[in-house]
PDB file of all heavy atoms in Angstrom:
ATOM      1  N   ILE A   1     -26.861 141.440  73.080  1.00  0.00           N
ATOM      2  CA  ILE A   1     -26.458 140.176  72.472  1.00  0.00           C
ATOM      3  C   ILE A   1     -25.008 140.179  72.005  1.00  0.00           C
ATOM      4  O   ILE A   1     -24.309 139.158  72.037  1.00  0.00           O
ATOM      5  CB  ILE A   1     -27.367 139.826  71.291  1.00  0.00           C
ATOM      6  CG1 ILE A   1     -28.807 139.647  71.762  1.00  0.00           C
ATOM      7  CG2 ILE A   1     -26.900 138.618  70.521  1.00  0.00           C
ATOM      8  CD1 ILE A   1     -29.022 138.534  72.791  1.00  0.00           C
ATOM      9  N   SER A   2     -24.507 141.369  71.611  1.00  0.00           N
ATOM     10  CA  SER A   2     -23.116 141.469  71.217  1.00  0.00           C
ATOM     11  C   SER A   2     -22.193 141.111  72.420  1.00  0.00           C
ATOM     12  O   SER A   2     -21.165 140.439  72.200  1.00  0.00           O
ATOM     13  CB  SER A   2     -22.773 142.846  70.713  1.00  0.00           C
ATOM     14  OG  SER A   2     -22.818 143.838  71.699  1.00  0.00           O
ATOM     15  N   LYS A   3     -22.570 141.487  73.599  1.00  0.00           N
ATOM     16  CA  LYS A   3     -21.805 141.168  74.791  1.00  0.00           C
ATOM     17  C   LYS A   3     -21.842 139.696  75.072  1.00  0.00           C
ATOM     18  O   LYS A   3     -20.845 139.049  75.436  1.00  0.00           O
ATOM     19  CB  LYS A   3     -22.250 141.962  75.955  1.00  0.00           C
ATOM     20  CG  LYS A   3     -22.011 143.443  75.838  1.00  0.00           C
ATOM     21  CD  LYS A   3     -22.591 144.259  77.025  1.00  0.00           C
ATOM     22  CE  LYS A   3     -22.351 145.704  76.897  1.00  0.00           C
ATOM     23  NZ  LYS A   3     -22.939 146.488  77.995  1.00  0.00           N
ATOM     24  N   LYS A   4     -23.038 139.115  74.926  1.00  0.00           N
ATOM     25  CA  LYS A   4     -23.233 137.683  75.242  1.00  0.00           C
ATOM     26  C   LYS A   4     -22.460 136.798  74.238  1.00  0.00           C
ATOM     27  O   LYS A   4     -22.092 135.679  74.534  1.00  0.00           O
ATOM     28  CB  LYS A   4     -24.704 137.293  75.199  1.00  0.00           C
ATOM     29  CG  LYS A   4     -25.498 137.829  76.363  1.00  0.00           C
ATOM     30  CD  LYS A   4     -26.885 137.294  76.310  1.00  0.00           C
ATOM     31  CE  LYS A   4     -27.689 137.745  77.579  1.00  0.00           C
ATOM     32  NZ  LYS A   4     -29.090 137.246  77.594  1.00  0.00           N
ATOM     33  N   THR A   5     -22.299 137.264  73.002  1.00  0.00           N
ATOM     34  CA  THR A   5     -21.658 136.473  71.966  1.00  0.00           C
ATOM     35  C   THR A   5     -20.214 136.901  71.681  1.00  0.00           C
ATOM     36  O   THR A   5     -19.620 136.498  70.679  1.00  0.00           O
ATOM     37  CB  THR A   5     -22.485 136.540  70.644  1.00  0.00           C
ATOM     38  OG1 THR A   5     -22.598 137.901  70.241  1.00  0.00           O
ATOM     39  CG2 THR A   5     -23.843 135.932  70.882  1.00  0.00           C
ATOM     40  N   ASN A   6     -19.721 137.839  72.508  1.00  0.00           N
ATOM     41  CA  ASN A   6     -18.335 138.348  72.304  1.00  0.00           C
ATOM     42  C   ASN A   6     -18.156 138.919  70.910  1.00  0.00           C
ATOM     43  O   ASN A   6     -17.137 138.675  70.244  1.00  0.00           O
ATOM     44  CB  ASN A   6     -17.340 137.206  72.558  1.00  0.00           C
ATOM     45  CG  ASN A   6     -15.913 137.785  72.780  1.00  0.00           C
ATOM     46  OD1 ASN A   6     -15.736 138.897  73.253  1.00  0.00           O
ATOM     47  ND2 ASN A   6     -14.929 136.975  72.396  1.00  0.00           N
ATOM     48  N   SER A   7     -19.128 139.675  70.459  1.00  0.00           N
ATOM     49  CA  SER A   7     -19.089 140.285  69.146  1.00  0.00           C
ATOM     50  C   SER A   7     -18.803 141.790  69.265  1.00  0.00           C
ATOM     51  O   SER A   7     -19.222 142.414  70.231  1.00  0.00           O
ATOM     52  CB  SER A   7     -20.462 140.127  68.420  1.00  0.00           C
ATOM     53  OG  SER A   7     -20.837 138.794  68.337  1.00  0.00           O
ATOM     54  N   ASP A   8     -18.080 142.350  68.305  1.00  0.00           N
ATOM     55  CA  ASP A   8     -18.034 143.769  68.230  1.00  0.00           C
ATOM     56  C   ASP A   8     -19.412 144.297  67.748  1.00  0.00           C
ATOM     57  O   ASP A   8     -20.164 143.544  67.140  1.00  0.00           O
ATOM     58  CB  ASP A   8     -16.948 144.214  67.270  1.00  0.00           C
ATOM     59  CG  ASP A   8     -15.549 144.119  67.858  1.00  0.00           C
ATOM     60  OD1 ASP A   8     -15.120 145.050  68.483  1.00  0.00           O
ATOM     61  OD2 ASP A   8     -14.914 143.059  67.698  1.00  0.00           O
ATOM     62  N   PHE A   9     -19.712 145.552  68.067  1.00  0.00           N
ATOM     63  CA  PHE A   9     -21.057 146.080  67.797  1.00  0.00           C
ATOM     64  C   PHE A   9     -20.993 147.451  67.208  1.00  0.00           C
ATOM     65  O   PHE A   9     -20.226 148.312  67.677  1.00  0.00           O
ATOM     66  CB  PHE A   9     -21.810 146.101  69.149  1.00  0.00           C
ATOM     67  CG  PHE A   9     -23.102 146.878  69.091  1.00  0.00           C
ATOM     68  CD1 PHE A   9     -24.146 146.429  68.366  1.00  0.00           C
ATOM     69  CD2 PHE A   9     -23.257 148.066  69.826  1.00  0.00           C
ATOM     70  CE1 PHE A   9     -25.370 147.101  68.338  1.00  0.00           C
ATOM     71  CE2 PHE A   9     -24.438 148.760  69.810  1.00  0.00           C
ATOM     72  CZ  PHE A   9     -25.525 148.297  69.070  1.00  0.00           C
ATOM     73  N   ILE A  10     -21.768 147.670  66.174  1.00  0.00           N
ATOM     74  CA  ILE A  10     -21.935 148.971  65.551  1.00  0.00           C
ATOM     75  C   ILE A  10     -23.456 149.233  65.396  1.00  0.00           C
ATOM     76  O   ILE A  10     -24.158 148.408  64.823  1.00  0.00           O
ATOM     77  CB  ILE A  10     -21.250 149.094  64.190  1.00  0.00           C
ATOM     78  CG1 ILE A  10     -19.710 148.996  64.344  1.00  0.00           C
ATOM     79  CG2 ILE A  10     -21.612 150.434  63.518  1.00  0.00           C
ATOM     80  CD1 ILE A  10     -18.977 148.981  63.000  1.00  0.00           C
ATOM     81  N   ASP A  11     -23.940 150.281  65.979  1.00  0.00           N
ATOM     82  CA  ASP A  11     -25.321 150.721  65.851  1.00  0.00           C
ATOM     83  C   ASP A  11     -25.435 151.610  64.620  1.00  0.00           C
ATOM     84  O   ASP A  11     -24.990 152.764  64.672  1.00  0.00           O
ATOM     85  CB  ASP A  11     -25.796 151.420  67.089  1.00  0.00           C
ATOM     86  CG  ASP A  11     -27.289 151.735  67.096  1.00  0.00           C
ATOM     87  OD1 ASP A  11     -27.928 151.489  66.029  1.00  0.00           O
ATOM     88  OD2 ASP A  11     -27.798 152.191  68.125  1.00  0.00           O
ATOM     89  N   LEU A  12     -26.043 151.117  63.564  1.00  0.00           N
ATOM     90  CA  LEU A  12     -26.127 151.906  62.303  1.00  0.00           C
ATOM     91  C   LEU A  12     -27.002 153.146  62.481  1.00  0.00           C
ATOM     92  O   LEU A  12     -26.947 154.080  61.696  1.00  0.00           O
ATOM     93  CB  LEU A  12     -26.644 151.034  61.197  1.00  0.00           C
ATOM     94  CG  LEU A  12     -25.655 149.955  60.672  1.00  0.00           C
ATOM     95  CD1 LEU A  12     -26.274 149.229  59.466  1.00  0.00           C
ATOM     96  CD2 LEU A  12     -24.288 150.526  60.323  1.00  0.00           C
ATOM     97  N   ASN A  13     -27.785 153.163  63.578  1.00  0.00           N
ATOM     98  CA  ASN A  13     -28.644 154.374  63.809  1.00  0.00           C
ATOM     99  C   ASN A  13     -27.754 155.564  64.154  1.00  0.00           C
ATOM    100  O   ASN A  13     -28.243 156.725  64.005  1.00  0.00           O
ATOM    101  CB  ASN A  13     -29.581 154.088  64.994  1.00  0.00           C
ATOM    102  CG  ASN A  13     -30.656 153.126  64.629  1.00  0.00           C
ATOM    103  OD1 ASN A  13     -31.571 153.439  63.849  1.00  0.00           O
ATOM    104  ND2 ASN A  13     -30.560 151.917  65.164  1.00  0.00           N
ATOM    105  N   ASN A  14     -26.537 155.341  64.576  1.00  0.00           N
ATOM    106  CA  ASN A  14     -25.611 156.446  64.855  1.00  0.00           C
ATOM    107  C   ASN A  14     -24.853 156.903  63.633  1.00  0.00           C
ATOM    108  O   ASN A  14     -24.084 157.854  63.715  1.00  0.00           O
ATOM    109  CB  ASN A  14     -24.623 156.021  65.936  1.00  0.00           C
ATOM    110  CG  ASN A  14     -25.248 155.745  67.287  1.00  0.00           C
ATOM    111  OD1 ASN A  14     -26.271 156.307  67.589  1.00  0.00           O
ATOM    112  ND2 ASN A  14     -24.706 154.785  68.023  1.00  0.00           N
ATOM    113  N   ILE A  15     -25.095 156.237  62.498  1.00  0.00           N
ATOM    114  CA  ILE A  15     -24.294 156.494  61.306  1.00  0.00           C
ATOM    115  C   ILE A  15     -25.143 156.882  60.082  1.00  0.00           C
ATOM    116  O   ILE A  15     -24.783 157.818  59.354  1.00  0.00           O
ATOM    117  CB  ILE A  15     -23.469 155.254  60.929  1.00  0.00           C
ATOM    118  CG1 ILE A  15     -22.537 154.888  62.115  1.00  0.00           C
ATOM    119  CG2 ILE A  15     -22.646 155.459  59.651  1.00  0.00           C
ATOM    120  CD1 ILE A  15     -21.933 153.520  61.937  1.00  0.00           C
ATOM    121  N   VAL A  16     -26.281 156.200  59.909  1.00  0.00           N
ATOM    122  CA  VAL A  16     -27.068 156.408  58.715  1.00  0.00           C
ATOM    123  C   VAL A  16     -28.558 156.616  59.017  1.00  0.00           C
ATOM    124  O   VAL A  16     -28.997 156.383  60.148  1.00  0.00           O
ATOM    125  CB  VAL A  16     -26.961 155.180  57.749  1.00  0.00           C
ATOM    126  CG1 VAL A  16     -25.515 154.985  57.347  1.00  0.00           C
ATOM    127  CG2 VAL A  16     -27.539 153.935  58.396  1.00  0.00           C
ATOM    128  N   LYS A  17     -29.311 157.023  58.016  1.00  0.00           N
ATOM    129  CA  LYS A  17     -30.783 157.148  58.094  1.00  0.00           C
ATOM    130  C   LYS A  17     -31.346 156.505  56.831  1.00  0.00           C
ATOM    131  O   LYS A  17     -30.764 156.564  55.753  1.00  0.00           O
ATOM    132  CB  LYS A  17     -31.217 158.639  58.135  1.00  0.00           C
ATOM    133  CG  LYS A  17     -30.790 159.348  59.403  1.00  0.00           C
ATOM    134  CD  LYS A  17     -31.299 160.740  59.407  1.00  0.00           C
ATOM    135  CE  LYS A  17     -30.880 161.492  60.701  1.00  0.00           C
ATOM    136  NZ  LYS A  17     -31.320 162.883  60.732  1.00  0.00           N
ATOM    137  N   VAL A  18     -32.465 155.823  56.985  1.00  0.00           N
ATOM    138  CA  VAL A  18     -33.092 155.188  55.841  1.00  0.00           C
ATOM    139  C   VAL A  18     -33.701 156.198  54.922  1.00  0.00           C
ATOM    140  O   VAL A  18     -33.970 157.343  55.289  1.00  0.00           O
ATOM    141  CB  VAL A  18     -34.184 154.178  56.306  1.00  0.00           C
ATOM    142  CG1 VAL A  18     -33.552 153.030  57.092  1.00  0.00           C
ATOM    143  CG2 VAL A  18     -35.278 154.867  57.127  1.00  0.00           C
ATOM    144  N   SER A  19     -33.902 155.798  53.685  1.00  0.00           N
ATOM    145  CA  SER A  19     -34.445 156.725  52.673  1.00  0.00           C
ATOM    146  C   SER A  19     -35.901 157.062  52.920  1.00  0.00           C
ATOM    147  O   SER A  19     -36.705 156.205  53.264  1.00  0.00           O
ATOM    148  CB  SER A  19     -34.293 156.066  51.254  1.00  0.00           C
ATOM    149  OG  SER A  19     -34.969 156.800  50.303  1.00  0.00           O
ATOM    150  N   PRO A  20     -36.271 158.324  52.708  1.00  0.00           N
ATOM    151  CA  PRO A  20     -37.695 158.687  52.801  1.00  0.00           C
ATOM    152  C   PRO A  20     -38.548 158.071  51.694  1.00  0.00           C
ATOM    153  O   PRO A  20     -39.770 158.144  51.746  1.00  0.00           O
ATOM    154  CB  PRO A  20     -37.680 160.217  52.704  1.00  0.00           C
ATOM    155  CG  PRO A  20     -36.396 160.555  52.014  1.00  0.00           C
ATOM    156  CD  PRO A  20     -35.414 159.515  52.446  1.00  0.00           C
ATOM    157  N   ILE A  21     -37.923 157.502  50.691  1.00  0.00           N
ATOM    158  CA  ILE A  21     -38.612 156.896  49.595  1.00  0.00           C
ATOM    159  C   ILE A  21     -39.409 155.680  50.061  1.00  0.00           C
ATOM    160  O   ILE A  21     -40.565 155.503  49.718  1.00  0.00           O
ATOM    161  CB  ILE A  21     -37.664 156.495  48.425  1.00  0.00           C
ATOM    162  CG1 ILE A  21     -37.051 157.700  47.803  1.00  0.00           C
ATOM    163  CG2 ILE A  21     -38.419 155.642  47.403  1.00  0.00           C
ATOM    164  CD1 ILE A  21     -36.000 157.415  46.745  1.00  0.00           C
ATOM    165  N   ASP A  22     -38.772 154.840  50.937  1.00  0.00           N
ATOM    166  CA  ASP A  22     -39.463 153.665  51.383  1.00  0.00           C
ATOM    167  C   ASP A  22     -39.342 153.389  52.892  1.00  0.00           C
ATOM    168  O   ASP A  22     -39.927 152.437  53.385  1.00  0.00           O
ATOM    169  CB  ASP A  22     -39.041 152.414  50.581  1.00  0.00           C
ATOM    170  CG  ASP A  22     -37.603 152.009  50.810  1.00  0.00           C
ATOM    171  OD1 ASP A  22     -36.904 152.591  51.673  1.00  0.00           O
ATOM    172  OD2 ASP A  22     -37.142 151.094  50.128  1.00  0.00           O
ATOM    173  N   GLY A  23     -38.592 154.258  53.611  1.00  0.00           N
ATOM    174  CA  GLY A  23     -38.500 154.112  55.033  1.00  0.00           C
ATOM    175  C   GLY A  23     -37.755 152.871  55.491  1.00  0.00           C
ATOM    176  O   GLY A  23     -37.866 152.484  56.663  1.00  0.00           O
ATOM    177  N   LEU A  24     -37.007 152.228  54.583  1.00  0.00           N
ATOM    178  CA  LEU A  24     -36.370 150.935  54.901  1.00  0.00           C
ATOM    179  C   LEU A  24     -34.957 150.820  54.357  1.00  0.00           C
ATOM    180  O   LEU A  24     -34.040 150.326  55.039  1.00  0.00           O
ATOM    181  CB  LEU A  24     -37.234 149.834  54.311  1.00  0.00           C
ATOM    182  CG  LEU A  24     -36.705 148.436  54.341  1.00  0.00           C
ATOM    183  CD1 LEU A  24     -36.540 147.952  55.813  1.00  0.00           C
ATOM    184  CD2 LEU A  24     -37.665 147.456  53.588  1.00  0.00           C
ATOM    185  N   HIS A  25     -34.728 151.288  53.138  1.00  0.00           N
ATOM    186  CA  HIS A  25     -33.474 151.118  52.446  1.00  0.00           C
ATOM    187  C   HIS A  25     -32.598 152.364  52.474  1.00  0.00           C
ATOM    188  O   HIS A  25     -32.999 153.416  52.983  1.00  0.00           O
ATOM    189  CB  HIS A  25     -33.680 150.583  51.042  1.00  0.00           C
ATOM    190  CG  HIS A  25     -34.322 149.203  51.008  1.00  0.00           C
ATOM    191  ND1 HIS A  25     -35.625 149.002  50.725  1.00  0.00           N
ATOM    192  CD2 HIS A  25     -33.749 147.979  51.302  1.00  0.00           C
ATOM    193  CE1 HIS A  25     -35.858 147.690  50.797  1.00  0.00           C
ATOM    194  NE2 HIS A  25     -34.744 147.079  51.157  1.00  0.00           N
ATOM    195  N   LEU A  26     -31.419 152.253  51.873  1.00  0.00           N
ATOM    196  CA  LEU A  26     -30.395 153.290  52.021  1.00  0.00           C
ATOM    197  C   LEU A  26     -30.032 153.926  50.696  1.00  0.00           C
ATOM    198  O   LEU A  26     -29.976 153.216  49.648  1.00  0.00           O
ATOM    199  CB  LEU A  26     -29.109 152.693  52.634  1.00  0.00           C
ATOM    200  CG  LEU A  26     -29.327 151.929  53.949  1.00  0.00           C
ATOM    201  CD1 LEU A  26     -28.010 151.219  54.363  1.00  0.00           C
ATOM    202  CD2 LEU A  26     -29.760 152.893  55.059  1.00  0.00           C
ATOM    203  N   ASP A  27     -29.717 155.230  50.721  1.00  0.00           N
ATOM    204  CA  ASP A  27     -29.274 155.895  49.533  1.00  0.00           C
ATOM    205  C   ASP A  27     -27.702 155.761  49.410  1.00  0.00           C
ATOM    206  O   ASP A  27     -27.088 155.273  50.333  1.00  0.00           O
ATOM    207  CB  ASP A  27     -29.701 157.329  49.453  1.00  0.00           C
ATOM    208  CG  ASP A  27     -29.080 158.228  50.545  1.00  0.00           C
ATOM    209  OD1 ASP A  27     -27.968 157.932  51.005  1.00  0.00           O
ATOM    210  OD2 ASP A  27     -29.732 159.207  50.943  1.00  0.00           O
ATOM    211  N   PRO A  28     -27.132 156.147  48.333  1.00  0.00           N
ATOM    212  CA  PRO A  28     -25.673 155.963  48.136  1.00  0.00           C
ATOM    213  C   PRO A  28     -24.790 156.584  49.203  1.00  0.00           C
ATOM    214  O   PRO A  28     -23.754 156.045  49.566  1.00  0.00           O
ATOM    215  CB  PRO A  28     -25.421 156.615  46.778  1.00  0.00           C
ATOM    216  CG  PRO A  28     -26.708 156.377  46.020  1.00  0.00           C
ATOM    217  CD  PRO A  28     -27.772 156.597  47.078  1.00  0.00           C
ATOM    218  N   VAL A  29     -25.196 157.743  49.722  1.00  0.00           N
ATOM    219  CA  VAL A  29     -24.426 158.418  50.744  1.00  0.00           C
ATOM    220  C   VAL A  29     -24.309 157.538  52.025  1.00  0.00           C
ATOM    221  O   VAL A  29     -23.269 157.394  52.625  1.00  0.00           O
ATOM    222  CB  VAL A  29     -25.000 159.771  51.088  1.00  0.00           C
ATOM    223  CG1 VAL A  29     -24.293 160.409  52.297  1.00  0.00           C
ATOM    224  CG2 VAL A  29     -24.873 160.712  49.882  1.00  0.00           C
TER     225      VAL A  29
END
């Protein structure tokens, strides 16, 4: 979709991991 909409794209899976506390949100790091 980023290509179709001429958007820059960042996959957060390559940068962060969700918290084991809830499997959804992020810690400060």
